[in-house]
Amino acid sequence: MSDEESNLLFSEMSIKELTETVDEMSKQLMEAKAALRNMRLSGVRSAIEARKLADVDLADELKKLGISNVLPSGPFRTPYFKWY
């Protein structure tokens, strides 16, 4: 739709119709932004989940070896181990 056509269409609408149209378009924009954000962060989410699974596997292997491990919590955690 060209600008001239959309201007003609909007000029024929009442204020109430324009308000409803703007509200609907705003809702669609927010939904599209949320979908984009989810798409962009899906790789990060899967990497975090893989890291959690790797931490659990590492803890299990260390337990089998008789090594107790301490994993600090937080976004920048790095494992350090106590040797008995």
N, C-alpha and C. Protein backbone atom coordinates (compact mmCIF):
# COMPACT_ATOMS: atom_id res chain seq x y z
N MET A 1 0.86 -1.17 0.00
CA MET A 1 0.00 0.00 0.00
C MET A 1 0.90 1.24 0.00
N SER A 2 0.62 2.16 -0.90
CA SER A 2 1.43 3.37 -0.99
C SER A 2 1.04 4.36 0.11
N ASP A 3 1.89 5.36 0.29
CA ASP A 3 1.61 6.38 1.30
C ASP A 3 0.31 7.12 0.99
N GLU A 4 0.09 7.39 -0.27
CA GLU A 4 -1.11 8.12 -0.67
C GLU A 4 -2.36 7.31 -0.35
N GLU A 5 -2.30 5.99 -0.62
CA GLU A 5 -3.44 5.13 -0.32
C GLU A 5 -3.69 5.04 1.19
N SER A 6 -2.61 4.90 1.96
CA SER A 6 -2.79 4.79 3.40
C SER A 6 -3.28 6.11 3.99
N ASN A 7 -2.81 7.25 3.47
CA ASN A 7 -3.30 8.55 3.94
C ASN A 7 -4.77 8.71 3.63
N LEU A 8 -5.19 8.28 2.44
CA LEU A 8 -6.59 8.35 2.06
C LEU A 8 -7.42 7.46 2.98
N LEU A 9 -6.92 6.27 3.24
CA LEU A 9 -7.62 5.34 4.12
C LEU A 9 -7.75 5.91 5.52
N PHE A 10 -6.65 6.45 6.07
CA PHE A 10 -6.68 7.01 7.41
C PHE A 10 -7.54 8.27 7.50
N SER A 11 -7.59 9.08 6.44
CA SER A 11 -8.39 10.30 6.48
C SER A 11 -9.89 9.99 6.49
N GLU A 12 -10.24 8.83 6.01
CA GLU A 12 -11.65 8.44 5.99
C GLU A 12 -12.10 7.79 7.30
N MET A 13 -11.15 7.46 8.17
CA MET A 13 -11.49 6.79 9.43
C MET A 13 -11.82 7.82 10.50
N SER A 14 -12.67 7.40 11.42
CA SER A 14 -12.99 8.28 12.55
C SER A 14 -11.87 8.20 13.58
N ILE A 15 -11.91 9.11 14.53
CA ILE A 15 -10.89 9.13 15.58
C ILE A 15 -10.92 7.82 16.37
N LYS A 16 -12.11 7.33 16.64
CA LYS A 16 -12.25 6.08 17.39
C LYS A 16 -11.63 4.92 16.60
N GLU A 17 -11.91 4.87 15.30
CA GLU A 17 -11.34 3.80 14.47
C GLU A 17 -9.82 3.91 14.39
N LEU A 18 -9.32 5.13 14.28
CA LEU A 18 -7.87 5.33 14.24
C LEU A 18 -7.23 4.90 15.55
N THR A 19 -7.87 5.23 16.67
CA THR A 19 -7.35 4.84 17.98
C THR A 19 -7.29 3.32 18.10
N GLU A 20 -8.37 2.65 17.67
CA GLU A 20 -8.40 1.19 17.71
C GLU A 20 -7.32 0.60 16.81
N THR A 21 -7.12 1.19 15.63
CA THR A 21 -6.10 0.72 14.69
C THR A 21 -4.71 0.88 15.29
N VAL A 22 -4.46 2.03 15.90
CA VAL A 22 -3.15 2.28 16.51
C VAL A 22 -2.93 1.31 17.67
N ASP A 23 -3.94 1.08 18.49
CA ASP A 23 -3.82 0.15 19.61
C ASP A 23 -3.50 -1.26 19.11
N GLU A 24 -4.20 -1.69 18.06
CA GLU A 24 -3.96 -3.02 17.50
C GLU A 24 -2.55 -3.12 16.91
N MET A 25 -2.12 -2.09 16.20
CA MET A 25 -0.77 -2.10 15.64
C MET A 25 0.29 -2.08 16.74
N SER A 26 0.03 -1.37 17.81
CA SER A 26 0.96 -1.34 18.95
C SER A 26 1.08 -2.73 19.57
N LYS A 27 -0.05 -3.41 19.72
CA LYS A 27 -0.05 -4.76 20.26
C LYS A 27 0.74 -5.71 19.35
N GLN A 28 0.53 -5.59 18.04
CA GLN A 28 1.26 -6.42 17.09
C GLN A 28 2.76 -6.13 17.15
N LEU A 29 3.13 -4.87 17.30
CA LEU A 29 4.54 -4.50 17.39
C LEU A 29 5.18 -5.10 18.65
N MET A 30 4.49 -5.01 19.78
CA MET A 30 5.03 -5.59 21.02
C MET A 30 5.20 -7.10 20.88
N GLU A 31 4.24 -7.78 20.25
CA GLU A 31 4.35 -9.23 20.05
C GLU A 31 5.52 -9.56 19.13
N ALA A 32 5.70 -8.77 18.07
CA ALA A 32 6.81 -9.00 17.15
C ALA A 32 8.16 -8.76 17.84
N LYS A 33 8.23 -7.74 18.69
CA LYS A 33 9.47 -7.48 19.43
C LYS A 33 9.78 -8.62 20.38
N ALA A 34 8.76 -9.15 21.05
CA ALA A 34 8.95 -10.27 21.97
C ALA A 34 9.42 -11.51 21.21
N ALA A 35 8.84 -11.76 20.05
CA ALA A 35 9.26 -12.90 19.23
C ALA A 35 10.70 -12.74 18.76
N LEU A 36 11.07 -11.54 18.35
CA LEU A 36 12.44 -11.27 17.92
C LEU A 36 13.42 -11.48 19.07
N ARG A 37 13.08 -10.97 20.25
CA ARG A 37 13.93 -11.13 21.42
C ARG A 37 14.12 -12.61 21.75
N ASN A 38 13.03 -13.39 21.69
CA ASN A 38 13.12 -14.82 21.97
C ASN A 38 13.99 -15.52 20.94
N MET A 39 13.86 -15.14 19.68
CA MET A 39 14.67 -15.75 18.63
C MET A 39 16.15 -15.41 18.83
N ARG A 40 16.44 -14.16 19.18
CA ARG A 40 17.83 -13.74 19.36
C ARG A 40 18.47 -14.40 20.57
N LEU A 41 17.69 -14.66 21.62
CA LEU A 41 18.24 -15.21 22.85
C LEU A 41 18.15 -16.73 22.93
N SER A 42 17.58 -17.38 21.93
CA SER A 42 17.42 -18.84 22.00
C SER A 42 18.77 -19.54 22.06
N GLY A 43 19.77 -19.04 21.35
CA GLY A 43 21.10 -19.64 21.40
C GLY A 43 21.72 -19.51 22.77
N VAL A 44 21.53 -18.36 23.39
CA VAL A 44 22.07 -18.14 24.74
C VAL A 44 21.38 -19.07 25.73
N ARG A 45 20.08 -19.20 25.60
CA ARG A 45 19.34 -20.08 26.52
C ARG A 45 19.81 -21.53 26.38
N SER A 46 20.00 -21.98 25.14
CA SER A 46 20.44 -23.37 24.96
C SER A 46 21.86 -23.55 25.48
N ALA A 47 22.72 -22.54 25.34
CA ALA A 47 24.09 -22.63 25.87
C ALA A 47 24.07 -22.70 27.40
N ILE A 48 23.22 -21.92 28.03
CA ILE A 48 23.10 -21.95 29.49
C ILE A 48 22.62 -23.32 29.95
N GLU A 49 21.64 -23.86 29.26
CA GLU A 49 21.12 -25.19 29.61
C GLU A 49 22.21 -26.25 29.42
N ALA A 50 22.98 -26.16 28.35
CA ALA A 50 24.08 -27.11 28.12
C ALA A 50 25.12 -26.98 29.22
N ARG A 51 25.39 -25.77 29.65
CA ARG A 51 26.36 -25.55 30.74
C ARG A 51 25.87 -26.19 32.03
N LYS A 52 24.58 -26.04 32.31
CA LYS A 52 24.03 -26.64 33.53
C LYS A 52 24.17 -28.17 33.49
N LEU A 53 23.85 -28.76 32.33
CA LEU A 53 23.97 -30.21 32.19
C LEU A 53 25.42 -30.65 32.32
N ALA A 54 26.33 -29.89 31.75
CA ALA A 54 27.76 -30.21 31.85
C ALA A 54 28.23 -30.13 33.30
N ASP A 55 27.75 -29.15 34.05
CA ASP A 55 28.10 -29.02 35.47
C ASP A 55 27.64 -30.23 36.26
N VAL A 56 26.43 -30.70 35.97
CA VAL A 56 25.90 -31.88 36.66
C VAL A 56 26.74 -33.10 36.30
N ASP A 57 27.04 -33.28 35.02
CA ASP A 57 27.86 -34.41 34.59
C ASP A 57 29.25 -34.36 35.24
N LEU A 58 29.84 -33.18 35.30
CA LEU A 58 31.15 -33.03 35.91
C LEU A 58 31.10 -33.38 37.39
N ALA A 59 30.09 -32.94 38.08
CA ALA A 59 29.95 -33.25 39.50
C ALA A 59 29.80 -34.75 39.71
N ASP A 60 29.04 -35.43 38.84
CA ASP A 60 28.88 -36.89 38.95
C ASP A 60 30.21 -37.61 38.73
N GLU A 61 30.95 -37.20 37.72
CA GLU A 61 32.25 -37.82 37.45
C GLU A 61 33.22 -37.60 38.60
N LEU A 62 33.24 -36.40 39.14
CA LEU A 62 34.13 -36.13 40.27
C LEU A 62 33.75 -36.95 41.49
N LYS A 63 32.45 -37.14 41.69
CA LYS A 63 31.97 -37.95 42.81
C LYS A 63 32.45 -39.39 42.65
N LYS A 64 32.40 -39.89 41.41
CA LYS A 64 32.88 -41.25 41.13
C LYS A 64 34.37 -41.39 41.43
N LEU A 65 35.11 -40.32 41.21
CA LEU A 65 36.54 -40.34 41.48
C LEU A 65 36.87 -40.08 42.95
N GLY A 66 35.86 -39.77 43.73
CA GLY A 66 36.06 -39.50 45.14
C GLY A 66 36.50 -38.08 45.43
N ILE A 67 36.27 -37.20 44.52
CA ILE A 67 36.64 -35.79 44.69
C ILE A 67 35.37 -35.01 44.98
N SER A 68 35.40 -34.28 46.08
CA SER A 68 34.24 -33.46 46.38
C SER A 68 34.46 -32.12 45.70
N ASN A 69 33.46 -31.63 45.06
CA ASN A 69 33.63 -30.35 44.36
C ASN A 69 32.73 -29.29 44.96
N VAL A 70 33.15 -28.07 44.82
CA VAL A 70 32.37 -26.94 45.29
C VAL A 70 32.19 -26.02 44.10
N LEU A 71 30.96 -25.78 43.74
CA LEU A 71 30.67 -24.89 42.62
C LEU A 71 29.98 -23.65 43.16
N PRO A 72 30.65 -22.51 43.17
CA PRO A 72 30.00 -21.29 43.65
C PRO A 72 28.87 -20.90 42.71
N SER A 73 27.87 -20.29 43.26
CA SER A 73 26.76 -19.86 42.42
C SER A 73 27.04 -18.47 41.88
N GLY A 74 26.38 -18.13 40.81
CA GLY A 74 26.53 -16.81 40.21
C GLY A 74 26.83 -16.93 38.74
N PRO A 75 26.70 -15.85 38.02
CA PRO A 75 26.86 -15.90 36.56
C PRO A 75 28.29 -16.16 36.11
N PHE A 76 29.28 -15.87 36.93
CA PHE A 76 30.67 -16.05 36.53
C PHE A 76 31.35 -17.14 37.34
N ARG A 77 30.59 -18.17 37.70
CA ARG A 77 31.15 -19.22 38.54
C ARG A 77 32.20 -20.04 37.79
N THR A 78 33.22 -20.40 38.49
CA THR A 78 34.21 -21.32 37.96
C THR A 78 34.42 -22.39 39.01
N PRO A 79 34.51 -23.63 38.60
CA PRO A 79 34.63 -24.70 39.59
C PRO A 79 36.01 -24.70 40.23
N TYR A 80 36.05 -24.95 41.49
CA TYR A 80 37.30 -25.23 42.17
C TYR A 80 37.06 -26.44 43.04
N PHE A 81 38.09 -27.21 43.27
CA PHE A 81 37.89 -28.53 43.86
C PHE A 81 38.67 -28.67 45.16
N LYS A 82 38.13 -29.44 46.07
CA LYS A 82 38.83 -29.81 47.30
C LYS A 82 39.31 -31.24 47.10
N TRP A 83 40.56 -31.49 47.33
CA TRP A 83 41.11 -32.83 47.21
C TRP A 83 41.22 -33.43 48.61
N TYR A 84 40.66 -34.60 48.82
CA TYR A 84 40.72 -35.27 50.12
C TYR A 84 41.65 -36.46 50.05
